[in-house]
Amino acid sequence: MTRGVRHLLDLDDLAPAELSAVLALAQDEYPPHVLAGRGVALVFQKPSARTRNSSEVAVFQLGGHPVSIRGDEVGIDTRETAEDVCRALCQYHSAIGARVLDHAVLERMARVASVPVVNLLSDRAHPLQALADLLTLRAHWGGSLAGRRLAWVGDGNNVARSLVIGCAMSGVAVSIASPPGHGLDQDVLDRVAALGGEVQATSSPVEAVEGADAVSTDVWVSMGQEGEEASRLEAFRPYQVDAALMARAAPKAAFLHCLPARRGEEVTDEVIDGPQSVVWPQAANRLRAVRGLLLWMFGSHDGQA
């Protein structure tokens, strides 16, 4: 990592107080133009809807110029190494966001970057989604996160990993229900423990959801897992979030989903379109999450250690 430059590859690259500052800055609907005259490169090895739109608009709202780049345009590790792609983009841009297939690519970019590198999604983490989820929960719970409990039902995937880390940093307990072999890995559990967080793991969705203040899930088959679709659908079928499962949560519990949803699989229409669903405010908070992070990096913090 280049000395003095701060990157965000996962949420625990921030201290808990810094995370709180980012969440507070994200609420500013009329932010100062801290990126005026600056470019921000947004590299997408994977297709994107919410991430691209929210990132581009956030950079624009901060006065900067977003440049979205397809993976095949730069050819990471085919046309040029990840390091050389990053070094080149640093000559033109004040920050680089990257949505990559392999988290190690982000780590390699961060080691040589002279500007902040932000994880727009990798196979291991999705910190901007976790920021959006925390913003959504804070609004739903009236401004306070500490002392609440979130239940995650389904795969212990990249979204789940970043969210449980963010919960640990914010005083939110987590219960997670996953089929055997699909839970959180030990590295994430160790990082949560180091932050003083709590994760209760179970194979029972009912046990995880019982009395929870929020329930979150994600697709059972992510991009790149299409070859496992049949086996994953079979393993995860008992983990659908339906009205009966939501009824086991607290009476005013929120339902979250990072989208896109495969309706009828991980969630029913009755839940995702129901009164407890906050998925559209959650999607809107993707914009606020990127904006708050960049405002922290280039406003009060200016990307320096």
Protein backbone atom coordinates (compact mmCIF):
# COMPACT_ATOMS: atom_id res chain seq x y z
CA MET A 1 0.00 0.00 0.00
CA THR A 2 1.34 3.41 -0.93
CA ARG A 3 2.28 5.28 2.20
CA GLY A 4 -0.23 7.90 3.34
CA VAL A 5 -3.12 6.78 1.09
CA ARG A 6 -6.25 5.25 2.63
CA HIS A 7 -8.18 2.57 0.76
CA LEU A 8 -11.51 0.88 1.45
CA LEU A 9 -11.34 -2.80 0.57
CA ASP A 10 -13.70 -3.75 3.39
CA LEU A 11 -15.41 -1.85 6.18
CA ASP A 12 -12.82 -2.62 8.84
CA ASP A 13 -10.32 -0.56 6.86
CA LEU A 14 -12.13 2.18 8.78
CA ALA A 15 -12.04 2.59 12.54
CA PRO A 16 -15.48 2.48 14.21
CA ALA A 17 -15.38 6.26 14.76
CA GLU A 18 -14.51 6.77 11.09
CA LEU A 19 -17.43 4.55 10.05
CA SER A 20 -19.74 6.71 12.17
CA ALA A 21 -18.34 9.82 10.48
CA VAL A 22 -18.97 8.36 7.01
CA LEU A 23 -22.56 7.48 7.95
CA ALA A 24 -23.12 11.01 9.23
CA LEU A 25 -21.67 12.61 6.10
CA ALA A 26 -23.82 10.38 3.92
CA GLN A 27 -26.90 12.24 5.17
CA ASP A 28 -25.79 15.49 3.54
CA GLU A 29 -28.10 15.86 0.55
CA TYR A 30 -26.31 19.03 -0.62
CA PRO A 31 -22.63 18.16 -0.16
CA PRO A 32 -19.75 20.46 -1.00
CA HIS A 33 -17.99 19.90 -4.33
CA VAL A 34 -14.91 18.24 -2.86
CA LEU A 35 -14.19 16.53 -6.21
CA ALA A 36 -14.42 19.66 -8.36
CA GLY A 37 -12.02 19.35 -11.28
CA ARG A 38 -11.16 15.73 -10.40
CA GLY A 39 -11.80 12.45 -12.16
CA VAL A 40 -12.79 9.15 -10.54
CA ALA A 41 -12.20 5.90 -12.43
CA LEU A 42 -14.88 3.22 -11.98
CA VAL A 43 -13.70 -0.16 -13.30
CA PHE A 44 -16.26 -2.94 -13.79
CA GLN A 45 -15.10 -6.49 -14.42
CA LYS A 46 -18.65 -7.56 -13.49
CA PRO A 47 -21.92 -6.13 -14.81
CA SER A 48 -23.49 -3.50 -12.59
CA ALA A 49 -26.76 -1.61 -12.22
CA ARG A 50 -27.00 -0.07 -8.74
CA THR A 51 -23.25 0.19 -8.19
CA ARG A 52 -22.52 1.97 -11.46
CA ASN A 53 -25.46 4.36 -11.24
CA SER A 54 -24.95 5.23 -7.58
CA SER A 55 -21.19 5.70 -7.99
CA GLU A 56 -21.45 7.88 -11.09
CA VAL A 57 -24.14 10.10 -9.59
CA ALA A 58 -22.26 10.40 -6.27
CA VAL A 59 -19.09 11.59 -8.02
CA PHE A 60 -21.16 14.05 -10.08
CA GLN A 61 -22.91 15.40 -6.96
CA LEU A 62 -19.50 16.02 -5.40
CA GLY A 63 -18.44 18.04 -8.46
CA GLY A 64 -16.23 15.38 -10.03
CA HIS A 65 -16.18 13.54 -13.35
CA PRO A 66 -16.87 9.78 -13.22
CA VAL A 67 -15.33 7.60 -15.92
CA SER A 68 -16.84 4.10 -16.07
CA ILE A 69 -14.55 1.51 -17.65
CA ARG A 70 -15.49 -2.04 -18.69
CA GLY A 71 -13.13 -4.79 -17.71
CA ASP A 72 -12.41 -5.67 -21.33
CA GLU A 73 -11.36 -2.08 -22.03
CA VAL A 74 -8.37 -2.34 -19.69
CA GLY A 75 -7.85 -6.12 -19.74
CA ILE A 76 -6.68 -6.62 -16.17
CA ASP A 77 -4.00 -9.35 -16.20
CA THR A 78 -4.57 -10.04 -19.90
CA ARG A 79 -3.68 -6.80 -21.66
CA GLU A 80 -1.86 -5.34 -18.65
CA THR A 81 -1.21 -6.40 -15.10
CA ALA A 82 -3.58 -5.14 -12.42
CA GLU A 83 -0.69 -3.10 -11.05
CA ASP A 84 0.02 -1.36 -14.37
CA VAL A 85 -3.67 -0.65 -14.98
CA CYS A 86 -3.81 0.96 -11.55
CA ARG A 87 -0.61 2.96 -12.04
CA ALA A 88 -1.95 4.34 -15.32
CA LEU A 89 -5.35 5.31 -13.89
CA CYS A 90 -3.62 7.08 -11.00
CA GLN A 91 -2.11 9.50 -13.50
CA TYR A 92 -5.56 10.84 -14.41
CA HIS A 93 -7.86 10.21 -11.46
CA SER A 94 -8.09 11.15 -7.80
CA ALA A 95 -9.69 7.82 -6.81
CA ILE A 96 -10.30 4.39 -8.32
CA GLY A 97 -13.36 2.26 -7.67
CA ALA A 98 -13.22 -1.32 -8.89
CA ARG A 99 -15.78 -4.13 -9.12
CA VAL A 100 -13.65 -7.23 -9.57
CA LEU A 101 -13.88 -10.99 -9.86
CA ASP A 102 -11.02 -11.69 -7.43
CA HIS A 103 -10.43 -9.71 -4.23
CA ALA A 104 -6.69 -10.25 -4.62
CA VAL A 105 -6.79 -7.90 -7.63
CA LEU A 106 -7.95 -5.07 -5.36
CA GLU A 107 -5.19 -5.84 -2.88
CA ARG A 108 -2.59 -5.71 -5.65
CA MET A 109 -3.97 -2.40 -6.91
CA ALA A 110 -3.96 -0.92 -3.42
CA ARG A 111 -0.31 -1.84 -2.91
CA VAL A 112 0.79 0.36 -5.83
CA ALA A 113 -1.92 3.04 -5.91
CA SER A 114 -1.09 6.68 -5.23
CA VAL A 115 -4.83 7.48 -4.86
CA PRO A 116 -7.56 5.78 -2.80
CA VAL A 117 -8.86 2.45 -4.10
CA VAL A 118 -12.47 1.62 -3.22
CA ASN A 119 -14.00 -1.84 -3.43
CA LEU A 120 -17.18 -1.63 -5.50
CA LEU A 121 -17.63 -5.40 -5.05
CA SER A 122 -15.37 -8.43 -4.95
CA ASP A 123 -15.87 -12.11 -4.30
CA ARG A 124 -14.94 -11.52 -0.65
CA ALA A 125 -16.52 -8.19 0.29
CA HIS A 126 -19.09 -5.54 -0.60
CA PRO A 127 -18.42 -2.67 1.82
CA LEU A 128 -20.51 -0.01 0.05
CA GLN A 129 -23.56 -2.28 0.26
CA ALA A 130 -22.91 -2.72 3.98
CA LEU A 131 -22.71 1.06 4.37
CA ALA A 132 -26.07 1.40 2.61
CA ASP A 133 -27.57 -1.28 4.84
CA LEU A 134 -26.38 0.48 7.99
CA LEU A 135 -27.80 3.78 6.74
CA THR A 136 -31.11 2.05 6.07
CA LEU A 137 -31.25 0.42 9.49
CA ARG A 138 -30.31 3.63 11.25
CA ALA A 139 -33.20 5.43 9.58
CA HIS A 140 -35.61 2.57 10.26
CA TRP A 141 -34.57 2.36 13.92
CA GLY A 142 -34.72 6.10 14.49
CA GLY A 143 -31.02 6.92 14.36
CA SER A 144 -29.57 4.34 16.74
CA LEU A 145 -27.81 1.11 15.75
CA ALA A 146 -26.28 -0.16 18.99
CA GLY A 147 -28.20 -2.78 20.92
CA ARG A 148 -30.21 -4.12 17.98
CA ARG A 149 -30.01 -7.54 16.33
CA LEU A 150 -29.99 -8.41 12.63
CA ALA A 151 -30.71 -11.88 11.26
CA TRP A 152 -29.09 -12.99 8.02
CA VAL A 153 -30.78 -15.91 6.29
CA GLY A 154 -28.89 -17.68 3.51
CA ASP A 155 -25.38 -17.74 2.09
CA GLY A 156 -22.46 -16.35 4.08
CA ASN A 157 -21.33 -14.53 0.95
CA ASN A 158 -19.48 -11.28 0.25
CA VAL A 159 -22.49 -9.14 1.20
CA ALA A 160 -22.97 -11.02 4.46
CA ARG A 161 -19.27 -10.77 5.34
CA SER A 162 -19.12 -6.99 5.01
CA LEU A 163 -22.46 -6.52 6.75
CA VAL A 164 -21.52 -8.54 9.85
CA ILE A 165 -18.27 -6.56 10.10
CA GLY A 166 -20.22 -3.30 9.85
CA CYS A 167 -22.65 -4.54 12.48
CA ALA A 168 -19.79 -5.43 14.82
CA MET A 169 -18.38 -1.91 14.39
CA SER A 170 -21.81 -0.40 15.15
CA GLY A 171 -22.88 -2.46 18.14
CA VAL A 172 -25.41 -4.59 16.24
CA ALA A 173 -25.56 -8.29 17.14
CA VAL A 174 -25.97 -10.77 14.26
CA SER A 175 -27.54 -14.19 13.96
CA ILE A 176 -26.96 -16.07 10.71
CA ALA A 177 -28.73 -19.15 9.40
CA SER A 178 -27.01 -21.02 6.59
CA PRO A 179 -26.92 -24.57 5.27
CA PRO A 180 -23.89 -26.58 6.40
CA GLY A 181 -20.83 -25.51 4.43
CA HIS A 182 -22.31 -22.18 3.39
CA GLY A 183 -21.79 -20.08 6.51
CA LEU A 184 -19.29 -17.35 7.31
CA ASP A 185 -15.65 -18.32 7.10
CA GLN A 186 -13.39 -18.27 10.13
CA ASP A 187 -11.47 -15.21 8.98
CA VAL A 188 -14.62 -13.09 9.13
CA LEU A 189 -15.65 -14.52 12.50
CA ASP A 190 -12.17 -13.69 13.85
CA ARG A 191 -12.42 -10.11 12.54
CA VAL A 192 -15.86 -9.70 14.10
CA ALA A 193 -14.55 -11.00 17.43
CA ALA A 194 -11.59 -8.60 17.27
CA LEU A 195 -14.10 -5.75 16.92
CA GLY A 196 -16.03 -6.93 19.96
CA GLY A 197 -18.93 -8.15 17.84
CA GLU A 198 -21.20 -11.12 18.23
CA VAL A 199 -22.34 -13.62 15.60
CA GLN A 200 -24.62 -16.51 16.49
CA ALA A 201 -24.48 -19.15 13.74
CA THR A 202 -27.18 -21.76 13.25
CA SER A 203 -28.65 -23.94 10.53
CA SER A 204 -32.19 -22.95 11.59
CA PRO A 205 -33.78 -19.89 9.95
CA VAL A 206 -36.46 -19.77 12.65
CA GLU A 207 -33.83 -19.73 15.40
CA ALA A 208 -31.90 -16.94 13.69
CA VAL A 209 -34.94 -14.76 12.98
CA GLU A 210 -36.75 -15.20 16.32
CA GLY A 211 -37.17 -11.69 17.81
CA ALA A 212 -34.72 -10.06 15.39
CA ASP A 213 -35.02 -6.33 14.65
CA ALA A 214 -34.14 -6.83 10.97
CA VAL A 215 -33.96 -9.73 8.53
CA SER A 216 -31.67 -9.71 5.51
CA THR A 217 -31.02 -12.13 2.69
CA ASP A 218 -29.44 -12.36 -0.77
CA VAL A 219 -29.64 -14.54 -3.87
CA TRP A 220 -28.68 -18.16 -3.49
CA VAL A 221 -26.77 -18.28 -6.78
CA SER A 222 -24.43 -15.34 -7.42
CA MET A 223 -22.58 -14.41 -10.61
CA GLY A 224 -19.92 -17.01 -11.25
CA GLN A 225 -21.82 -19.78 -9.40
CA GLU A 226 -24.12 -20.76 -12.26
CA GLY A 227 -22.52 -24.21 -12.47
CA GLU A 228 -23.61 -24.89 -8.88
CA GLU A 229 -27.19 -23.71 -9.38
CA ALA A 230 -28.99 -27.03 -8.98
CA SER A 231 -27.14 -28.04 -5.82
CA ARG A 232 -27.40 -24.58 -4.27
CA LEU A 233 -31.13 -24.33 -4.92
CA GLU A 234 -31.60 -27.68 -3.23
CA ALA A 235 -29.47 -26.71 -0.21
CA PHE A 236 -31.06 -23.29 0.28
CA ARG A 237 -34.73 -24.11 -0.37
CA PRO A 238 -35.57 -24.25 3.39
CA TYR A 239 -34.04 -20.76 3.79
CA GLN A 240 -36.65 -18.78 1.87
CA VAL A 241 -37.81 -15.63 3.69
CA ASP A 242 -41.60 -15.78 3.55
CA ALA A 243 -44.37 -14.21 5.63
CA ALA A 244 -44.31 -17.04 8.16
CA LEU A 245 -40.59 -16.56 8.80
CA MET A 246 -40.90 -12.76 9.02
CA ALA A 247 -43.66 -13.26 11.61
CA ARG A 248 -41.03 -14.77 13.94
CA ALA A 249 -39.05 -11.50 13.93
CA ALA A 250 -39.86 -8.46 16.07
CA PRO A 251 -43.22 -6.84 15.17
CA LYS A 252 -41.64 -3.85 13.39
CA ALA A 253 -38.64 -5.71 11.96
CA ALA A 254 -37.28 -4.48 8.63
CA PHE A 255 -36.68 -6.74 5.66
CA LEU A 256 -33.53 -6.02 3.61
CA HIS A 257 -32.25 -7.37 0.30
CA CYS A 258 -29.30 -5.90 -1.61
CA LEU A 259 -30.93 -6.74 -5.00
CA PRO A 260 -31.29 -8.05 -7.60
CA ALA A 261 -33.78 -10.50 -6.08
CA ARG A 262 -34.84 -13.84 -7.50
CA ARG A 263 -38.43 -13.64 -6.36
CA GLY A 264 -39.87 -16.98 -5.35
CA GLU A 265 -36.45 -18.30 -4.35
CA GLU A 266 -34.77 -16.51 -1.43
CA VAL A 267 -37.79 -14.23 -0.82
CA THR A 268 -41.49 -14.21 -1.64
CA ASP A 269 -43.31 -11.32 -3.31
CA GLU A 270 -45.41 -10.96 -0.17
CA VAL A 271 -42.31 -10.05 1.85
CA ILE A 272 -40.26 -8.01 -0.60
CA ASP A 273 -43.31 -5.95 -1.59
CA GLY A 274 -44.77 -5.92 1.90
CA PRO A 275 -44.96 -3.21 4.58
CA GLN A 276 -41.82 -4.38 6.39
CA SER A 277 -39.66 -4.22 3.27
CA VAL A 278 -37.12 -1.38 3.09
CA VAL A 279 -35.40 -2.59 -0.08
CA TRP A 280 -36.05 0.58 -2.08
CA PRO A 281 -34.79 2.99 0.59
CA GLN A 282 -31.88 0.53 0.88
CA ALA A 283 -31.22 0.86 -2.87
CA ALA A 284 -31.44 4.66 -2.59
CA ASN A 285 -28.87 4.56 0.20
CA ARG A 286 -26.32 3.05 -2.17
CA LEU A 287 -25.93 6.58 -3.56
CA ARG A 288 -25.63 8.13 -0.09
CA ALA A 289 -23.09 5.49 0.94
CA VAL A 290 -20.70 6.25 -1.94
CA ARG A 291 -21.18 9.99 -1.49
CA GLY A 292 -20.53 9.83 2.25
CA LEU A 293 -17.36 7.80 1.80
CA LEU A 294 -15.94 10.10 -0.88
CA LEU A 295 -16.92 13.15 1.13
CA TRP A 296 -15.03 11.73 4.09
CA MET A 297 -12.02 10.86 1.94
CA PHE A 298 -11.78 14.18 0.12
CA GLY A 299 -13.44 16.57 2.55
CA SER A 300 -12.56 16.24 6.18
CA HIS A 301 -10.08 13.45 5.56
CA ASP A 302 -8.72 13.98 2.02
CA GLY A 303 -7.67 10.35 1.59
CA GLN A 304 -4.58 10.58 3.77
CA ALA A 305 -3.56 8.39 6.69
